PDB file of all heavy atoms in Angstrom:
ATOM      1  N   GLU A   1      52.573 132.944  33.585  1.00  0.00           N
ATOM      2  CA  GLU A   1      53.602 132.531  32.510  1.00  0.00           C
ATOM      3  C   GLU A   1      54.335 131.332  33.272  1.00  0.00           C
ATOM      4  O   GLU A   1      54.694 131.457  34.433  1.00  0.00           O
ATOM      5  CB  GLU A   1      54.533 133.675  32.267  1.00  0.00           C
ATOM      6  CG  GLU A   1      53.737 134.845  31.641  1.00  0.00           C
ATOM      7  CD  GLU A   1      54.548 135.778  30.824  1.00  0.00           C
ATOM      8  OE1 GLU A   1      55.512 135.216  30.118  1.00  0.00           O
ATOM      9  OE2 GLU A   1      54.422 136.957  30.845  1.00  0.00           O
ATOM     10  N   ARG A   2      54.559 130.352  32.405  1.00  0.00           N
ATOM     11  CA  ARG A   2      55.348 129.273  32.793  1.00  0.00           C
ATOM     12  C   ARG A   2      56.588 129.093  31.847  1.00  0.00           C
ATOM     13  O   ARG A   2      56.362 129.136  30.709  1.00  0.00           O
ATOM     14  CB  ARG A   2      54.600 127.954  32.804  1.00  0.00           C
ATOM     15  CG  ARG A   2      53.775 127.675  34.034  1.00  0.00           C
ATOM     16  CD  ARG A   2      53.423 126.331  34.134  1.00  0.00           C
ATOM     17  NE  ARG A   2      52.469 126.156  35.287  1.00  0.00           N
ATOM     18  CZ  ARG A   2      51.675 125.172  35.475  1.00  0.00           C
ATOM     19  NH1 ARG A   2      51.721 124.182  34.604  1.00  0.00           N
ATOM     20  NH2 ARG A   2      50.894 125.130  36.613  1.00  0.00           N
ATOM     21  N   LEU A   3      57.849 129.149  32.554  1.00  0.00           N
ATOM     22  CA  LEU A   3      58.891 128.980  31.694  1.00  0.00           C
ATOM     23  C   LEU A   3      59.489 127.638  32.041  1.00  0.00           C
ATOM     24  O   LEU A   3      59.674 127.229  33.112  1.00  0.00           O
ATOM     25  CB  LEU A   3      60.000 130.017  32.112  1.00  0.00           C
ATOM     26  CG  LEU A   3      59.602 131.557  31.984  1.00  0.00           C
ATOM     27  CD1 LEU A   3      60.599 132.419  32.457  1.00  0.00           C
ATOM     28  CD2 LEU A   3      59.116 131.777  30.596  1.00  0.00           C
ATOM     29  N   TYR A   4      59.948 126.840  30.904  1.00  0.00           N
ATOM     30  CA  TYR A   4      60.505 125.485  31.126  1.00  0.00           C
ATOM     31  C   TYR A   4      62.039 125.532  30.692  1.00  0.00           C
ATOM     32  O   TYR A   4      62.336 125.805  29.582  1.00  0.00           O
ATOM     33  CB  TYR A   4      59.798 124.583  30.237  1.00  0.00           C
ATOM     34  CG  TYR A   4      58.360 124.345  30.633  1.00  0.00           C
ATOM     35  CD1 TYR A   4      57.254 125.336  30.267  1.00  0.00           C
ATOM     36  CD2 TYR A   4      57.942 123.306  31.509  1.00  0.00           C
ATOM     37  CE1 TYR A   4      56.007 125.116  30.593  1.00  0.00           C
ATOM     38  CE2 TYR A   4      56.524 123.103  31.745  1.00  0.00           C
ATOM     39  CZ  TYR A   4      55.589 124.018  31.370  1.00  0.00           C
ATOM     40  OH  TYR A   4      54.394 123.890  31.815  1.00  0.00           O
ATOM     41  N   PHE A   5      62.829 125.433  31.707  1.00  0.00           N
ATOM     42  CA  PHE A   5      64.252 125.381  31.581  1.00  0.00           C
ATOM     43  C   PHE A   5      64.814 124.021  31.579  1.00  0.00           C
ATOM     44  O   PHE A   5      64.876 123.283  32.495  1.00  0.00           O
ATOM     45  CB  PHE A   5      64.879 126.116  32.750  1.00  0.00           C
ATOM     46  CG  PHE A   5      64.399 127.645  32.886  1.00  0.00           C
ATOM     47  CD1 PHE A   5      63.374 127.951  33.623  1.00  0.00           C
ATOM     48  CD2 PHE A   5      65.085 128.616  32.206  1.00  0.00           C
ATOM     49  CE1 PHE A   5      63.009 129.204  33.856  1.00  0.00           C
ATOM     50  CE2 PHE A   5      64.740 129.818  32.392  1.00  0.00           C
ATOM     51  CZ  PHE A   5      63.637 130.257  33.128  1.00  0.00           C
ATOM     52  N   GLY A   6      65.407 123.551  30.405  1.00  0.00           N
ATOM     53  CA  GLY A   6      65.892 122.259  30.419  1.00  0.00           C
ATOM     54  C   GLY A   6      67.345 122.277  31.116  1.00  0.00           C
ATOM     55  O   GLY A   6      68.020 123.428  31.133  1.00  0.00           O
ATOM     56  N   ARG A   7      67.887 121.236  31.676  1.00  0.00           N
ATOM     57  CA  ARG A   7      69.016 121.262  32.446  1.00  0.00           C
ATOM     58  C   ARG A   7      70.150 120.606  31.627  1.00  0.00           C
ATOM     59  O   ARG A   7      71.407 120.722  32.071  1.00  0.00           O
ATOM     60  CB  ARG A   7      68.860 120.527  33.824  1.00  0.00           C
ATOM     61  CG  ARG A   7      67.925 121.252  34.615  1.00  0.00           C
ATOM     62  CD  ARG A   7      67.644 120.473  35.859  1.00  0.00           C
ATOM     63  NE  ARG A   7      68.805 120.492  36.686  1.00  0.00           N
ATOM     64  CZ  ARG A   7      68.844 119.845  37.942  1.00  0.00           C
ATOM     65  NH1 ARG A   7      67.825 119.318  38.363  1.00  0.00           N
ATOM     66  NH2 ARG A   7      69.952 119.916  38.599  1.00  0.00           N
ATOM     67  N   ASN A   8      70.001 119.891  30.496  1.00  0.00           N
ATOM     68  CA  ASN A   8      71.042 119.193  29.760  1.00  0.00           C
ATOM     69  C   ASN A   8      71.847 120.173  29.043  1.00  0.00           C
ATOM     70  O   ASN A   8      71.286 121.143  28.466  1.00  0.00           O
ATOM     71  CB  ASN A   8      70.455 118.158  28.997  1.00  0.00           C
ATOM     72  CG  ASN A   8      70.055 116.861  29.797  1.00  0.00           C
ATOM     73  OD1 ASN A   8      70.192 116.768  30.963  1.00  0.00           O
ATOM     74  ND2 ASN A   8      69.435 115.946  29.055  1.00  0.00           N
ATOM     75  N   VAL A   9      73.152 119.935  29.007  1.00  0.00           N
ATOM     76  CA  VAL A   9      73.985 120.532  28.151  1.00  0.00           C
ATOM     77  C   VAL A   9      74.651 119.380  27.230  1.00  0.00           C
ATOM     78  O   VAL A   9      75.325 118.598  27.770  1.00  0.00           O
ATOM     79  CB  VAL A   9      75.061 121.394  28.675  1.00  0.00           C
ATOM     80  CG1 VAL A   9      76.034 121.971  27.660  1.00  0.00           C
ATOM     81  CG2 VAL A   9      74.532 122.503  29.491  1.00  0.00           C
ATOM     82  N   GLY A  10      74.131 119.186  25.991  1.00  0.00           N
ATOM     83  CA  GLY A  10      74.440 117.996  25.199  1.00  0.00           C
ATOM     84  C   GLY A  10      73.564 116.880  25.795  1.00  0.00           C
ATOM     85  O   GLY A  10      72.356 117.008  25.969  1.00  0.00           O
ATOM     86  N   SER A  11      74.250 115.884  26.131  1.00  0.00           N
ATOM     87  CA  SER A  11      73.426 114.769  26.679  1.00  0.00           C
ATOM     88  C   SER A  11      73.593 114.446  28.249  1.00  0.00           C
ATOM     89  O   SER A  11      73.270 113.556  28.778  1.00  0.00           O
ATOM     90  CB  SER A  11      73.934 113.433  25.955  1.00  0.00           C
ATOM     91  OG  SER A  11      75.285 113.228  26.125  1.00  0.00           O
ATOM     92  N   THR A  12      74.377 115.444  28.891  1.00  0.00           N
ATOM     93  CA  THR A  12      74.524 115.419  30.432  1.00  0.00           C
ATOM     94  C   THR A  12      73.965 116.574  30.959  1.00  0.00           C
ATOM     95  O   THR A  12      73.714 117.549  30.446  1.00  0.00           O
ATOM     96  CB  THR A  12      75.987 115.298  30.665  1.00  0.00           C
ATOM     97  OG1 THR A  12      76.612 116.481  30.257  1.00  0.00           O
ATOM     98  CG2 THR A  12      76.696 114.059  29.970  1.00  0.00           C
ATOM     99  N   VAL A  13      73.626 116.285  32.278  1.00  0.00           N
ATOM    100  CA  VAL A  13      73.043 117.453  33.136  1.00  0.00           C
ATOM    101  C   VAL A  13      74.192 118.469  33.372  1.00  0.00           C
ATOM    102  O   VAL A  13      75.191 118.231  33.909  1.00  0.00           O
ATOM    103  CB  VAL A  13      72.516 116.947  34.462  1.00  0.00           C
ATOM    104  CG1 VAL A  13      72.056 118.135  35.284  1.00  0.00           C
ATOM    105  CG2 VAL A  13      71.319 115.899  34.261  1.00  0.00           C
ATOM    106  N   GLY A  14      74.015 119.624  32.803  1.00  0.00           N
ATOM    107  CA  GLY A  14      74.948 120.805  32.878  1.00  0.00           C
ATOM    108  C   GLY A  14      74.548 121.811  33.805  1.00  0.00           C
ATOM    109  O   GLY A  14      75.513 122.574  34.237  1.00  0.00           O
ATOM    110  N   VAL A  15      73.235 121.882  34.187  1.00  0.00           N
ATOM    111  CA  VAL A  15      72.765 122.892  35.132  1.00  0.00           C
ATOM    112  C   VAL A  15      72.509 122.233  36.468  1.00  0.00           C
ATOM    113  O   VAL A  15      71.531 121.463  36.612  1.00  0.00           O
ATOM    114  CB  VAL A  15      71.477 123.625  34.562  1.00  0.00           C
ATOM    115  CG1 VAL A  15      71.052 124.662  35.578  1.00  0.00           C
ATOM    116  CG2 VAL A  15      71.664 124.217  33.175  1.00  0.00           C
ATOM    117  N   THR A  16      73.536 122.344  37.406  1.00  0.00           N
ATOM    118  CA  THR A  16      73.401 121.732  38.637  1.00  0.00           C
ATOM    119  C   THR A  16      72.359 122.416  39.602  1.00  0.00           C
ATOM    120  O   THR A  16      72.012 123.501  39.164  1.00  0.00           O
ATOM    121  CB  THR A  16      74.744 121.606  39.295  1.00  0.00           C
ATOM    122  OG1 THR A  16      75.048 123.042  39.603  1.00  0.00           O
ATOM    123  CG2 THR A  16      75.732 120.866  38.514  1.00  0.00           C
ATOM    124  N   ASP A  17      71.938 121.850  40.686  1.00  0.00           N
ATOM    125  CA  ASP A  17      71.075 122.435  41.516  1.00  0.00           C
ATOM    126  C   ASP A  17      71.680 123.726  42.203  1.00  0.00           C
ATOM    127  O   ASP A  17      70.961 124.704  42.265  1.00  0.00           O
ATOM    128  CB  ASP A  17      70.702 121.457  42.751  1.00  0.00           C
ATOM    129  CG  ASP A  17      69.864 120.374  42.445  1.00  0.00           C
ATOM    130  OD1 ASP A  17      69.185 120.403  41.315  1.00  0.00           O
ATOM    131  OD2 ASP A  17      69.681 119.329  43.104  1.00  0.00           O
ATOM    132  N   SER A  18      73.026 123.711  42.409  1.00  0.00           N
ATOM    133  CA  SER A  18      73.610 124.895  42.897  1.00  0.00           C
ATOM    134  C   SER A  18      73.693 126.044  41.845  1.00  0.00           C
ATOM    135  O   SER A  18      73.473 127.165  42.264  1.00  0.00           O
ATOM    136  CB  SER A  18      74.938 124.551  43.535  1.00  0.00           C
ATOM    137  OG  SER A  18      75.798 124.054  42.492  1.00  0.00           O
ATOM    138  N   ALA A  19      73.951 125.697  40.645  1.00  0.00           N
ATOM    139  CA  ALA A  19      73.949 126.648  39.543  1.00  0.00           C
ATOM    140  C   ALA A  19      72.583 127.316  39.422  1.00  0.00           C
ATOM    141  O   ALA A  19      72.441 128.426  39.111  1.00  0.00           O
ATOM    142  CB  ALA A  19      74.522 126.013  38.264  1.00  0.00           C
ATOM    143  N   TRP A  20      71.608 126.476  39.477  1.00  0.00           N
ATOM    144  CA  TRP A  20      70.152 126.865  39.378  1.00  0.00           C
ATOM    145  C   TRP A  20      69.895 127.866  40.578  1.00  0.00           C
ATOM    146  O   TRP A  20      69.299 128.920  40.377  1.00  0.00           O
ATOM    147  CB  TRP A  20      69.192 125.743  39.227  1.00  0.00           C
ATOM    148  CG  TRP A  20      67.779 126.216  39.404  1.00  0.00           C
ATOM    149  CD1 TRP A  20      66.946 126.142  40.562  1.00  0.00           C
ATOM    150  CD2 TRP A  20      66.909 126.854  38.390  1.00  0.00           C
ATOM    151  NE1 TRP A  20      65.721 126.625  40.306  1.00  0.00           N
ATOM    152  CE2 TRP A  20      65.674 127.211  38.971  1.00  0.00           C
ATOM    153  CE3 TRP A  20      67.232 127.268  37.189  1.00  0.00           C
ATOM    154  CZ2 TRP A  20      64.654 127.799  38.269  1.00  0.00           C
ATOM    155  CZ3 TRP A  20      66.188 127.892  36.435  1.00  0.00           C
ATOM    156  CH2 TRP A  20      64.910 128.114  36.965  1.00  0.00           C
ATOM    157  N   SER A  21      70.285 127.514  41.761  1.00  0.00           N
ATOM    158  CA  SER A  21      70.102 128.372  42.839  1.00  0.00           C
ATOM    159  C   SER A  21      70.715 129.805  42.810  1.00  0.00           C
ATOM    160  O   SER A  21      70.102 130.809  43.067  1.00  0.00           O
ATOM    161  CB  SER A  21      70.694 127.799  44.167  1.00  0.00           C
ATOM    162  OG  SER A  21      69.814 126.513  44.457  1.00  0.00           O
ATOM    163  N   VAL A  22      71.884 129.781  42.261  1.00  0.00           N
ATOM    164  CA  VAL A  22      72.625 131.101  42.013  1.00  0.00           C
ATOM    165  C   VAL A  22      71.878 131.872  40.954  1.00  0.00           C
ATOM    166  O   VAL A  22      71.678 133.047  40.994  1.00  0.00           O
ATOM    167  CB  VAL A  22      74.083 130.890  41.536  1.00  0.00           C
ATOM    168  CG1 VAL A  22      74.786 132.016  41.111  1.00  0.00           C
ATOM    169  CG2 VAL A  22      74.846 130.180  42.756  1.00  0.00           C
ATOM    170  N   PHE A  23      71.468 131.120  39.865  1.00  0.00           N
ATOM    171  CA  PHE A  23      70.644 131.843  38.798  1.00  0.00           C
ATOM    172  C   PHE A  23      69.338 132.427  39.384  1.00  0.00           C
ATOM    173  O   PHE A  23      69.030 133.624  38.939  1.00  0.00           O
ATOM    174  CB  PHE A  23      70.294 130.791  37.587  1.00  0.00           C
ATOM    175  CG  PHE A  23      69.658 131.322  36.502  1.00  0.00           C
ATOM    176  CD1 PHE A  23      70.236 132.178  35.565  1.00  0.00           C
ATOM    177  CD2 PHE A  23      68.300 131.179  36.364  1.00  0.00           C
ATOM    178  CE1 PHE A  23      69.495 132.654  34.467  1.00  0.00           C
ATOM    179  CE2 PHE A  23      67.617 131.658  35.320  1.00  0.00           C
ATOM    180  CZ  PHE A  23      68.158 132.529  34.442  1.00  0.00           C
ATOM    181  N   VAL A  24      68.652 131.690  40.168  1.00  0.00           N
ATOM    182  CA  VAL A  24      67.360 132.154  40.734  1.00  0.00           C
ATOM    183  C   VAL A  24      67.742 133.391  41.572  1.00  0.00           C
ATOM    184  O   VAL A  24      66.977 134.407  41.493  1.00  0.00           O
ATOM    185  CB  VAL A  24      66.623 131.141  41.529  1.00  0.00           C
ATOM    186  CG1 VAL A  24      65.508 131.658  42.355  1.00  0.00           C
ATOM    187  CG2 VAL A  24      66.133 130.053  40.597  1.00  0.00           C
ATOM    188  N   ARG A  25      68.701 133.317  42.406  1.00  0.00           N
ATOM    189  CA  ARG A  25      68.946 134.462  43.326  1.00  0.00           C
ATOM    190  C   ARG A  25      69.475 135.645  42.631  1.00  0.00           C
ATOM    191  O   ARG A  25      68.974 136.886  42.748  1.00  0.00           O
ATOM    192  CB  ARG A  25      70.048 134.031  44.354  1.00  0.00           C
ATOM    193  CG  ARG A  25      70.469 135.074  45.283  1.00  0.00           C
ATOM    194  CD  ARG A  25      71.636 134.761  46.189  1.00  0.00           C
ATOM    195  NE  ARG A  25      72.884 134.886  45.271  1.00  0.00           N
ATOM    196  CZ  ARG A  25      73.840 134.013  45.317  1.00  0.00           C
ATOM    197  NH1 ARG A  25      73.826 132.980  46.015  1.00  0.00           N
ATOM    198  NH2 ARG A  25      74.850 134.214  44.433  1.00  0.00           N
ATOM    199  N   ASP A  26      70.454 135.527  41.649  1.00  0.00           N
ATOM    200  CA  ASP A  26      71.030 136.624  40.884  1.00  0.00           C
ATOM    201  C   ASP A  26      70.246 137.151  39.732  1.00  0.00           C
ATOM    202  O   ASP A  26      70.358 138.390  39.419  1.00  0.00           O
ATOM    203  CB  ASP A  26      72.479 136.182  40.566  1.00  0.00           C
ATOM    204  CG  ASP A  26      73.452 135.983  41.579  1.00  0.00           C
ATOM    205  OD1 ASP A  26      73.004 136.162  42.846  1.00  0.00           O
ATOM    206  OD2 ASP A  26      74.525 135.402  41.382  1.00  0.00           O
ATOM    207  N   VAL A  27      69.534 136.341  39.049  1.00  0.00           N
ATOM    208  CA  VAL A  27      68.970 136.818  37.776  1.00  0.00           C
ATOM    209  C   VAL A  27      67.410 136.805  37.992  1.00  0.00           C
ATOM    210  O   VAL A  27      66.881 138.011  37.731  1.00  0.00           O
ATOM    211  CB  VAL A  27      69.294 135.797  36.695  1.00  0.00           C
ATOM    212  CG1 VAL A  27      68.547 136.207  35.296  1.00  0.00           C
ATOM    213  CG2 VAL A  27      70.786 135.681  36.356  1.00  0.00           C
ATOM    214  N   VAL A  28      66.767 135.861  38.343  1.00  0.00           N
ATOM    215  CA  VAL A  28      65.299 135.740  38.468  1.00  0.00           C
ATOM    216  C   VAL A  28      64.850 136.776  39.616  1.00  0.00           C
ATOM    217  O   VAL A  28      64.038 137.743  39.446  1.00  0.00           O
ATOM    218  CB  VAL A  28      64.725 134.374  38.759  1.00  0.00           C
ATOM    219  CG1 VAL A  28      63.265 134.390  39.000  1.00  0.00           C
ATOM    220  CG2 VAL A  28      65.198 133.511  37.643  1.00  0.00           C
ATOM    221  N   GLY A  29      65.451 136.577  40.864  1.00  0.00           N
ATOM    222  CA  GLY A  29      65.069 137.364  41.955  1.00  0.00           C
ATOM    223  C   GLY A  29      65.446 138.885  41.774  1.00  0.00           C
ATOM    224  O   GLY A  29      64.689 139.731  42.374  1.00  0.00           O
ATOM    225  N   ALA A  30      66.355 139.148  41.040  1.00  0.00           N
ATOM    226  CA  ALA A  30      66.600 140.552  40.756  1.00  0.00           C
ATOM    227  C   ALA A  30      65.765 141.197  39.763  1.00  0.00           C
ATOM    228  O   ALA A  30      65.547 142.479  39.769  1.00  0.00           O
ATOM    229  CB  ALA A  30      68.138 140.712  40.117  1.00  0.00           C
ATOM    230  N   ARG A  31      64.944 140.369  39.125  1.00  0.00           N
ATOM    231  CA  ARG A  31      64.025 141.001  38.072  1.00  0.00           C
ATOM    232  C   ARG A  31      62.568 140.838  38.350  1.00  0.00           C
ATOM    233  O   ARG A  31      61.789 141.531  37.867  1.00  0.00           O
ATOM    234  CB  ARG A  31      64.326 140.387  36.717  1.00  0.00           C
ATOM    235  CG  ARG A  31      65.705 140.787  36.125  1.00  0.00           C
ATOM    236  CD  ARG A  31      65.859 140.072  34.801  1.00  0.00           C
ATOM    237  NE  ARG A  31      67.119 140.530  34.220  1.00  0.00           N
ATOM    238  CZ  ARG A  31      68.424 140.314  34.448  1.00  0.00           C
ATOM    239  NH1 ARG A  31      68.602 139.490  35.532  1.00  0.00           N
ATOM    240  NH2 ARG A  31      69.382 140.805  33.788  1.00  0.00           N
ATOM    241  N   LEU A  32      62.233 139.810  39.165  1.00  0.00           N
ATOM    242  CA  LEU A  32      60.918 139.665  39.519  1.00  0.00           C
ATOM    243  C   LEU A  32      60.534 139.805  40.956  1.00  0.00           C
ATOM    244  O   LEU A  32      61.339 139.380  41.823  1.00  0.00           O
ATOM    245  CB  LEU A  32      60.434 138.158  39.130  1.00  0.00           C
ATOM    246  CG  LEU A  32      60.617 137.887  37.532  1.00  0.00           C
ATOM    247  CD1 LEU A  32      60.250 136.447  37.421  1.00  0.00           C
ATOM    248  CD2 LEU A  32      59.577 138.748  36.762  1.00  0.00           C
ATOM    249  N   GLU A  33      59.432 140.379  41.324  1.00  0.00           N
ATOM    250  CA  GLU A  33      59.027 140.445  42.753  1.00  0.00           C
ATOM    251  C   GLU A  33      58.577 139.138  43.378  1.00  0.00           C
ATOM    252  O   GLU A  33      58.646 138.974  44.524  1.00  0.00           O
ATOM    253  CB  GLU A  33      57.918 141.529  42.819  1.00  0.00           C
ATOM    254  CG  GLU A  33      58.386 142.988  42.517  1.00  0.00           C
ATOM    255  CD  GLU A  33      57.332 143.951  42.635  1.00  0.00           C
ATOM    256  OE1 GLU A  33      56.245 143.676  43.486  1.00  0.00           O
ATOM    257  OE2 GLU A  33      57.404 145.060  42.115  1.00  0.00           O
ATOM    258  N   GLY A  34      57.947 138.329  42.641  1.00  0.00           N
ATOM    259  CA  GLY A  34      57.385 137.095  42.990  1.00  0.00           C
ATOM    260  C   GLY A  34      57.294 135.992  41.899  1.00  0.00           C
ATOM    261  O   GLY A  34      57.158 136.389  40.800  1.00  0.00           O
ATOM    262  N   PHE A  35      57.673 134.800  42.370  1.00  0.00           N
ATOM    263  CA  PHE A  35      57.570 133.730  41.415  1.00  0.00           C
ATOM    264  C   PHE A  35      57.557 132.387  42.205  1.00  0.00           C
ATOM    265  O   PHE A  35      57.799 132.398  43.380  1.00  0.00           O
ATOM    266  CB  PHE A  35      58.732 133.772  40.540  1.00  0.00           C
ATOM    267  CG  PHE A  35      60.028 133.823  41.239  1.00  0.00           C
ATOM    268  CD1 PHE A  35      60.912 132.661  41.627  1.00  0.00           C
ATOM    269  CD2 PHE A  35      60.693 135.079  41.551  1.00  0.00           C
ATOM    270  CE1 PHE A  35      62.001 132.816  42.255  1.00  0.00           C
ATOM    271  CE2 PHE A  35      61.887 135.173  42.283  1.00  0.00           C
ATOM    272  CZ  PHE A  35      62.546 133.998  42.648  1.00  0.00           C
ATOM    273  N   THR A  36      57.336 131.302  41.550  1.00  0.00           N
ATOM    274  CA  THR A  36      57.419 129.943  42.196  1.00  0.00           C
ATOM    275  C   THR A  36      58.129 129.057  41.073  1.00  0.00           C
ATOM    276  O   THR A  36      58.125 129.258  39.955  1.00  0.00           O
ATOM    277  CB  THR A  36      56.021 129.351  42.288  1.00  0.00           C
ATOM    278  OG1 THR A  36      55.182 130.239  43.104  1.00  0.00           O
ATOM    279  CG2 THR A  36      56.054 128.036  43.000  1.00  0.00           C
TER     280      THR A  36
END
């Protein structure tokens, strides 16, 4: 499964690298054993 997450909110980048890192750690990592 591939999930494509857009980063823009409106016409500007709203999802920063650090926000993504927190999301991966707190949300993705808490639900999946392995991912890339």
